[in-house]
Amino acid sequence: MTYPKVGEIVAKDIRAAEVLKKMNIDFCCGGGISLEKACEKKGLNPKIVMEEIEAHISGKTTDGDKYDKMCLTELVDYITTTHHTYVRDNIEFIEPILDKVIRVHGEKHPELSEIGDLFYASVNELSSHMKKEENIVFPLIKALEAGNIKELDPNASVKYPIVMMEAEHTEEGDRFKRIRELTNDYTPPADACNTYKLT
């Protein structure tokens, strides 16, 4: 089988870069070689890499109303292991490539400085927010479901943290709305390299 160039795979669907980055395959400056040659350098099987890329791009099917069937304890555990892990993994993924894009393209694209400031403010807030959920709100919800807390009343200990969490969600929504404006709805500029497009 003949494989396309690494850069062409990423240009066709930028999500492929996430898989390539995990495998330490250069999709930016080294993207001019075929996937087969790139895999040969890393001791990887290009067929397996391509299958992983295709699986990642196609995504996973959802189980319909599975969330409605979960008890509260299952739901908060699911949020922690799935969504919080996703956010933490993607922060770790985005930070170095955003830093690189700001460093390389910041002079020509001054909006990147504000985007970086907004992103890092969001990283700090989201990290704090998830810790509060995991250490305060979720244990209270589990205790309530287990019958270790009486039925909630307007002054109950769970209500105030939840109100605070909702306010923080709104604040992050505003921050990402501004990033969306600055990036022209996440549209890379004409001179963007593959790393810029991925970011």
C-alpha atoms as a PDB file:
ATOM      1  CA  MET A   1       0.000   0.000   0.000  1.00  0.00           C
ATOM      2  CA  THR A   2       1.178   3.526  -0.789  1.00  0.00           C
ATOM      3  CA  TYR A   3       0.781   6.066   2.017  1.00  0.00           C
ATOM      4  CA  PRO A   4       0.428   9.836   1.607  1.00  0.00           C
ATOM      5  CA  LYS A   5       2.894  12.318   3.015  1.00  0.00           C
ATOM      6  CA  VAL A   6       2.524  13.066   6.711  1.00  0.00           C
ATOM      7  CA  GLY A   7       1.810  16.743   6.023  1.00  0.00           C
ATOM      8  CA  GLU A   8      -0.910  15.787   3.528  1.00  0.00           C
ATOM      9  CA  ILE A   9      -2.627  13.578   6.121  1.00  0.00           C
ATOM     10  CA  VAL A  10      -2.714  16.484   8.575  1.00  0.00           C
ATOM     11  CA  ALA A  11      -3.767  18.980   5.892  1.00  0.00           C
ATOM     12  CA  LYS A  12      -6.706  16.710   5.010  1.00  0.00           C
ATOM     13  CA  ASP A  13      -7.874  16.498   8.645  1.00  0.00           C
ATOM     14  CA  ILE A  14      -6.030  18.391  11.374  1.00  0.00           C
ATOM     15  CA  ARG A  15      -7.243  15.911  14.018  1.00  0.00           C
ATOM     16  CA  ALA A  16      -4.736  13.404  12.622  1.00  0.00           C
ATOM     17  CA  ALA A  17      -1.992  15.539  14.189  1.00  0.00           C
ATOM     18  CA  GLU A  18      -3.106  14.498  17.673  1.00  0.00           C
ATOM     19  CA  VAL A  19      -2.312  10.844  16.915  1.00  0.00           C
ATOM     20  CA  LEU A  20       0.952  11.705  15.137  1.00  0.00           C
ATOM     21  CA  LYS A  21       2.108  13.898  18.024  1.00  0.00           C
ATOM     22  CA  LYS A  22       1.505  11.066  20.501  1.00  0.00           C
ATOM     23  CA  MET A  23       3.709   8.841  18.324  1.00  0.00           C
ATOM     24  CA  ASN A  24       6.410  11.519  18.009  1.00  0.00           C
ATOM     25  CA  ILE A  25       5.961  11.733  14.232  1.00  0.00           C
ATOM     26  CA  ASP A  26       6.839  15.212  12.962  1.00  0.00           C
ATOM     27  CA  PHE A  27       3.871  16.543  10.974  1.00  0.00           C
ATOM     28  CA  CYS A  28       5.125  20.104  10.636  1.00  0.00           C
ATOM     29  CA  CYS A  29       8.627  20.707   9.302  1.00  0.00           C
ATOM     30  CA  GLY A  30       9.179  16.973   8.729  1.00  0.00           C
ATOM     31  CA  GLY A  31       5.787  16.460   7.098  1.00  0.00           C
ATOM     32  CA  GLY A  32       7.178  16.228   3.574  1.00  0.00           C
ATOM     33  CA  ILE A  33       7.906  12.497   3.780  1.00  0.00           C
ATOM     34  CA  SER A  34       5.481   9.600   3.394  1.00  0.00           C
ATOM     35  CA  LEU A  35       3.825   8.096   6.451  1.00  0.00           C
ATOM     36  CA  GLU A  36       5.668   4.875   5.641  1.00  0.00           C
ATOM     37  CA  LYS A  37       9.096   6.583   5.820  1.00  0.00           C
ATOM     38  CA  ALA A  38       8.115   8.483   8.995  1.00  0.00           C
ATOM     39  CA  CYS A  39       7.007   5.226  10.630  1.00  0.00           C
ATOM     40  CA  GLU A  40      10.172   3.445   9.496  1.00  0.00           C
ATOM     41  CA  LYS A  41      12.237   6.057  11.365  1.00  0.00           C
ATOM     42  CA  LYS A  42      10.238   5.399  14.543  1.00  0.00           C
ATOM     43  CA  GLY A  43       9.976   1.625  14.186  1.00  0.00           C
ATOM     44  CA  LEU A  44       6.196   1.808  13.751  1.00  0.00           C
ATOM     45  CA  ASN A  45       3.812  -0.032  11.450  1.00  0.00           C
ATOM     46  CA  PRO A  46       2.226   2.537   9.075  1.00  0.00           C
ATOM     47  CA  LYS A  47      -0.913   0.383   8.670  1.00  0.00           C
ATOM     48  CA  ILE A  48      -1.533   0.458  12.429  1.00  0.00           C
ATOM     49  CA  VAL A  49      -0.777   4.195  12.622  1.00  0.00           C
ATOM     50  CA  MET A  50      -3.208   4.882   9.762  1.00  0.00           C
ATOM     51  CA  GLU A  51      -5.883   2.760  11.461  1.00  0.00           C
ATOM     52  CA  GLU A  52      -5.407   4.737  14.690  1.00  0.00           C
ATOM     53  CA  ILE A  53      -5.690   8.023  12.791  1.00  0.00           C
ATOM     54  CA  GLU A  54      -8.895   6.873  11.065  1.00  0.00           C
ATOM     55  CA  ALA A  55     -10.394   5.621  14.343  1.00  0.00           C
ATOM     56  CA  HIS A  56      -9.525   8.914  16.070  1.00  0.00           C
ATOM     57  CA  ILE A  57     -11.046  10.997  13.268  1.00  0.00           C
ATOM     58  CA  SER A  58     -14.231   8.944  13.056  1.00  0.00           C
ATOM     59  CA  GLY A  59     -14.742   9.230  16.815  1.00  0.00           C
ATOM     60  CA  LYS A  60     -16.626   6.904  19.094  1.00  0.00           C
ATOM     61  CA  THR A  61     -20.348   6.269  19.041  1.00  0.00           C
ATOM     62  CA  THR A  62     -22.332   7.293  22.093  1.00  0.00           C
ATOM     63  CA  ASP A  63     -24.716   5.063  23.998  1.00  0.00           C
ATOM     64  CA  GLY A  64     -27.746   7.320  23.721  1.00  0.00           C
ATOM     65  CA  ASP A  65     -29.340   7.961  27.065  1.00  0.00           C
ATOM     66  CA  LYS A  66     -26.687   6.215  29.170  1.00  0.00           C
ATOM     67  CA  TYR A  67     -26.218   9.345  31.317  1.00  0.00           C
ATOM     68  CA  ASP A  68     -29.893   9.346  32.298  1.00  0.00           C
ATOM     69  CA  LYS A  69     -29.478   5.774  33.543  1.00  0.00           C
ATOM     70  CA  MET A  70     -26.490   6.569  35.746  1.00  0.00           C
ATOM     71  CA  CYS A  71     -26.905   7.206  39.448  1.00  0.00           C
ATOM     72  CA  LEU A  72     -25.294  10.427  40.722  1.00  0.00           C
ATOM     73  CA  THR A  73     -22.205   8.604  42.006  1.00  0.00           C
ATOM     74  CA  GLU A  74     -21.662   6.951  38.607  1.00  0.00           C
ATOM     75  CA  LEU A  75     -22.193  10.269  36.860  1.00  0.00           C
ATOM     76  CA  VAL A  76     -19.661  12.239  38.922  1.00  0.00           C
ATOM     77  CA  ASP A  77     -17.133   9.397  38.547  1.00  0.00           C
ATOM     78  CA  TYR A  78     -17.738   9.452  34.786  1.00  0.00           C
ATOM     79  CA  ILE A  79     -17.249  13.234  34.654  1.00  0.00           C
ATOM     80  CA  THR A  80     -13.972  12.929  36.587  1.00  0.00           C
ATOM     81  CA  THR A  81     -12.477  10.021  34.654  1.00  0.00           C
ATOM     82  CA  THR A  82     -13.707  11.054  31.199  1.00  0.00           C
ATOM     83  CA  HIS A  83     -14.189  14.810  30.955  1.00  0.00           C
ATOM     84  CA  HIS A  84     -11.696  16.033  33.531  1.00  0.00           C
ATOM     85  CA  THR A  85      -9.067  13.671  32.135  1.00  0.00           C
ATOM     86  CA  TYR A  86      -9.846  14.947  28.626  1.00  0.00           C
ATOM     87  CA  VAL A  87      -9.380  18.566  29.713  1.00  0.00           C
ATOM     88  CA  ARG A  88      -6.104  17.839  31.546  1.00  0.00           C
ATOM     89  CA  ASP A  89      -4.705  15.784  28.649  1.00  0.00           C
ATOM     90  CA  ASN A  90      -5.577  18.495  26.139  1.00  0.00           C
ATOM     91  CA  ILE A  91      -4.093  21.270  28.260  1.00  0.00           C
ATOM     92  CA  GLU A  92      -0.864  19.257  28.276  1.00  0.00           C
ATOM     93  CA  PHE A  93      -1.172  18.757  24.500  1.00  0.00           C
ATOM     94  CA  ILE A  94      -2.002  22.374  23.604  1.00  0.00           C
ATOM     95  CA  GLU A  95       0.431  24.273  25.871  1.00  0.00           C
ATOM     96  CA  PRO A  96       3.716  23.469  24.065  1.00  0.00           C
ATOM     97  CA  ILE A  97       2.312  23.911  20.562  1.00  0.00           C
ATOM     98  CA  LEU A  98       0.584  27.185  21.478  1.00  0.00           C
ATOM     99  CA  ASP A  99       3.854  28.452  22.997  1.00  0.00           C
ATOM    100  CA  LYS A 100       5.655  27.531  19.764  1.00  0.00           C
ATOM    101  CA  VAL A 101       3.052  29.257  17.566  1.00  0.00           C
ATOM    102  CA  ILE A 102       3.170  32.436  19.675  1.00  0.00           C
ATOM    103  CA  ARG A 103       6.983  32.434  19.574  1.00  0.00           C
ATOM    104  CA  VAL A 104       7.255  31.804  15.813  1.00  0.00           C
ATOM    105  CA  HIS A 105       4.199  33.692  14.496  1.00  0.00           C
ATOM    106  CA  GLY A 106       3.479  36.243  17.218  1.00  0.00           C
ATOM    107  CA  GLU A 107       5.167  39.155  15.488  1.00  0.00           C
ATOM    108  CA  LYS A 108       3.103  38.733  12.327  1.00  0.00           C
ATOM    109  CA  HIS A 109      -0.067  37.814  14.243  1.00  0.00           C
ATOM    110  CA  PRO A 110      -0.193  40.053  17.352  1.00  0.00           C
ATOM    111  CA  GLU A 111      -3.602  38.642  18.345  1.00  0.00           C
ATOM    112  CA  LEU A 112      -1.756  35.486  19.429  1.00  0.00           C
ATOM    113  CA  SER A 113      -0.503  37.295  22.535  1.00  0.00           C
ATOM    114  CA  GLU A 114      -4.054  37.925  23.784  1.00  0.00           C
ATOM    115  CA  ILE A 115      -5.091  34.388  22.794  1.00  0.00           C
ATOM    116  CA  GLY A 116      -2.204  33.036  24.882  1.00  0.00           C
ATOM    117  CA  ASP A 117      -3.179  35.195  27.865  1.00  0.00           C
ATOM    118  CA  LEU A 118      -6.808  34.028  27.619  1.00  0.00           C
ATOM    119  CA  PHE A 119      -5.823  30.386  27.221  1.00  0.00           C
ATOM    120  CA  TYR A 120      -3.491  30.392  30.233  1.00  0.00           C
ATOM    121  CA  ALA A 121      -6.052  32.238  32.359  1.00  0.00           C
ATOM    122  CA  SER A 122      -8.521  29.536  31.380  1.00  0.00           C
ATOM    123  CA  VAL A 123      -6.026  26.766  32.190  1.00  0.00           C
ATOM    124  CA  ASN A 124      -5.574  28.182  35.692  1.00  0.00           C
ATOM    125  CA  GLU A 125      -9.307  28.603  36.254  1.00  0.00           C
ATOM    126  CA  LEU A 126     -10.293  25.216  34.815  1.00  0.00           C
ATOM    127  CA  SER A 127      -7.635  23.434  36.859  1.00  0.00           C
ATOM    128  CA  SER A 128      -8.894  25.114  40.030  1.00  0.00           C
ATOM    129  CA  HIS A 129     -12.522  24.496  39.043  1.00  0.00           C
ATOM    130  CA  MET A 130     -12.019  20.767  38.468  1.00  0.00           C
ATOM    131  CA  LYS A 131     -10.218  20.399  41.805  1.00  0.00           C
ATOM    132  CA  LYS A 132     -13.131  22.101  43.590  1.00  0.00           C
ATOM    133  CA  GLU A 133     -15.582  19.774  41.870  1.00  0.00           C
ATOM    134  CA  GLU A 134     -13.526  16.691  42.725  1.00  0.00           C
ATOM    135  CA  ASN A 135     -12.710  17.709  46.320  1.00  0.00           C
ATOM    136  CA  ILE A 136     -15.861  19.564  47.407  1.00  0.00           C
ATOM    137  CA  VAL A 137     -18.938  19.236  45.175  1.00  0.00           C
ATOM    138  CA  PHE A 138     -18.652  15.616  44.027  1.00  0.00           C
ATOM    139  CA  PRO A 139     -18.001  14.162  47.506  1.00  0.00           C
ATOM    140  CA  LEU A 140     -21.049  16.086  48.785  1.00  0.00           C
ATOM    141  CA  ILE A 141     -23.189  14.715  45.950  1.00  0.00           C
ATOM    142  CA  LYS A 142     -21.997  11.168  46.690  1.00  0.00           C
ATOM    143  CA  ALA A 143     -22.694  11.620  50.394  1.00  0.00           C
ATOM    144  CA  LEU A 144     -26.182  12.939  49.611  1.00  0.00           C
ATOM    145  CA  GLU A 145     -26.953   9.947  47.407  1.00  0.00           C
ATOM    146  CA  ALA A 146     -25.608   7.529  50.030  1.00  0.00           C
ATOM    147  CA  GLY A 147     -27.924   9.111  52.599  1.00  0.00           C
ATOM    148  CA  ASN A 148     -25.113  10.639  54.626  1.00  0.00           C
ATOM    149  CA  ILE A 149     -26.545  14.156  54.158  1.00  0.00           C
ATOM    150  CA  LYS A 150     -30.193  15.075  54.734  1.00  0.00           C
ATOM    151  CA  GLU A 151     -32.375  16.308  51.870  1.00  0.00           C
ATOM    152  CA  LEU A 152     -31.110  19.623  50.539  1.00  0.00           C
ATOM    153  CA  ASP A 153     -32.690  22.853  51.637  1.00  0.00           C
ATOM    154  CA  PRO A 154     -31.924  26.367  50.247  1.00  0.00           C
ATOM    155  CA  ASN A 155     -29.146  26.807  52.827  1.00  0.00           C
ATOM    156  CA  ALA A 156     -27.603  23.352  52.438  1.00  0.00           C
ATOM    157  CA  SER A 157     -23.873  22.967  52.052  1.00  0.00           C
ATOM    158  CA  VAL A 158     -24.083  21.751  48.435  1.00  0.00           C
ATOM    159  CA  LYS A 159     -26.034  24.666  46.990  1.00  0.00           C
ATOM    160  CA  TYR A 160     -23.402  27.412  47.411  1.00  0.00           C
ATOM    161  CA  PRO A 161     -20.535  25.484  45.752  1.00  0.00           C
ATOM    162  CA  ILE A 162     -22.812  24.562  42.832  1.00  0.00           C
ATOM    163  CA  VAL A 163     -23.826  28.219  42.333  1.00  0.00           C
ATOM    164  CA  MET A 164     -20.115  29.155  42.337  1.00  0.00           C
ATOM    165  CA  MET A 165     -19.325  26.381  39.825  1.00  0.00           C
ATOM    166  CA  GLU A 166     -22.052  27.611  37.473  1.00  0.00           C
ATOM    167  CA  ALA A 167     -20.688  31.183  37.652  1.00  0.00           C
ATOM    168  CA  GLU A 168     -17.225  29.872  36.735  1.00  0.00           C
ATOM    169  CA  HIS A 169     -18.690  27.988  33.740  1.00  0.00           C
ATOM    170  CA  THR A 170     -20.160  31.270  32.479  1.00  0.00           C
ATOM    171  CA  GLU A 171     -16.836  33.074  32.915  1.00  0.00           C
ATOM    172  CA  GLU A 172     -14.976  30.409  30.912  1.00  0.00           C
ATOM    173  CA  GLY A 173     -17.634  30.569  28.215  1.00  0.00           C
ATOM    174  CA  ASP A 174     -16.955  34.312  27.877  1.00  0.00           C
ATOM    175  CA  ARG A 175     -13.207  33.712  27.684  1.00  0.00           C
ATOM    176  CA  PHE A 176     -13.575  31.158  24.890  1.00  0.00           C
ATOM    177  CA  LYS A 177     -16.036  33.399  23.072  1.00  0.00           C
ATOM    178  CA  ARG A 178     -13.265  36.024  22.940  1.00  0.00           C
ATOM    179  CA  ILE A 179     -10.746  33.431  21.690  1.00  0.00           C
ATOM    180  CA  ARG A 180     -13.258  32.463  18.992  1.00  0.00           C
ATOM    181  CA  GLU A 181     -13.509  36.140  17.937  1.00  0.00           C
ATOM    182  CA  LEU A 182      -9.728  36.605  17.883  1.00  0.00           C
ATOM    183  CA  THR A 183      -9.224  33.458  15.786  1.00  0.00           C
ATOM    184  CA  ASN A 184     -12.020  34.241  13.322  1.00  0.00           C
ATOM    185  CA  ASP A 185     -14.018  31.223  14.540  1.00  0.00           C
ATOM    186  CA  TYR A 186     -10.874  29.082  14.900  1.00  0.00           C
ATOM    187  CA  THR A 187      -9.888  29.643  11.262  1.00  0.00           C
ATOM    188  CA  PRO A 188      -6.112  29.495  10.715  1.00  0.00           C
ATOM    189  CA  PRO A 189      -4.624  32.321   8.637  1.00  0.00           C
ATOM    190  CA  ALA A 190      -3.465  31.674   5.077  1.00  0.00           C
ATOM    191  CA  ASP A 191       0.206  31.538   6.139  1.00  0.00           C
ATOM    192  CA  ALA A 192      -0.398  29.013   8.954  1.00  0.00           C
ATOM    193  CA  CYS A 193       1.891  25.986   9.177  1.00  0.00           C
ATOM    194  CA  ASN A 194       0.504  22.639  10.311  1.00  0.00           C
ATOM    195  CA  THR A 195       1.346  23.365  13.971  1.00  0.00           C
ATOM    196  CA  TYR A 196      -0.562  26.663  13.747  1.00  0.00           C
ATOM    197  CA  LYS A 197      -3.540  24.871  12.161  1.00  0.00           C
ATOM    198  CA  LEU A 198      -3.525  22.228  14.866  1.00  0.00           C
ATOM    199  CA  THR A 199      -3.394  24.868  17.604  1.00  0.00           C
END
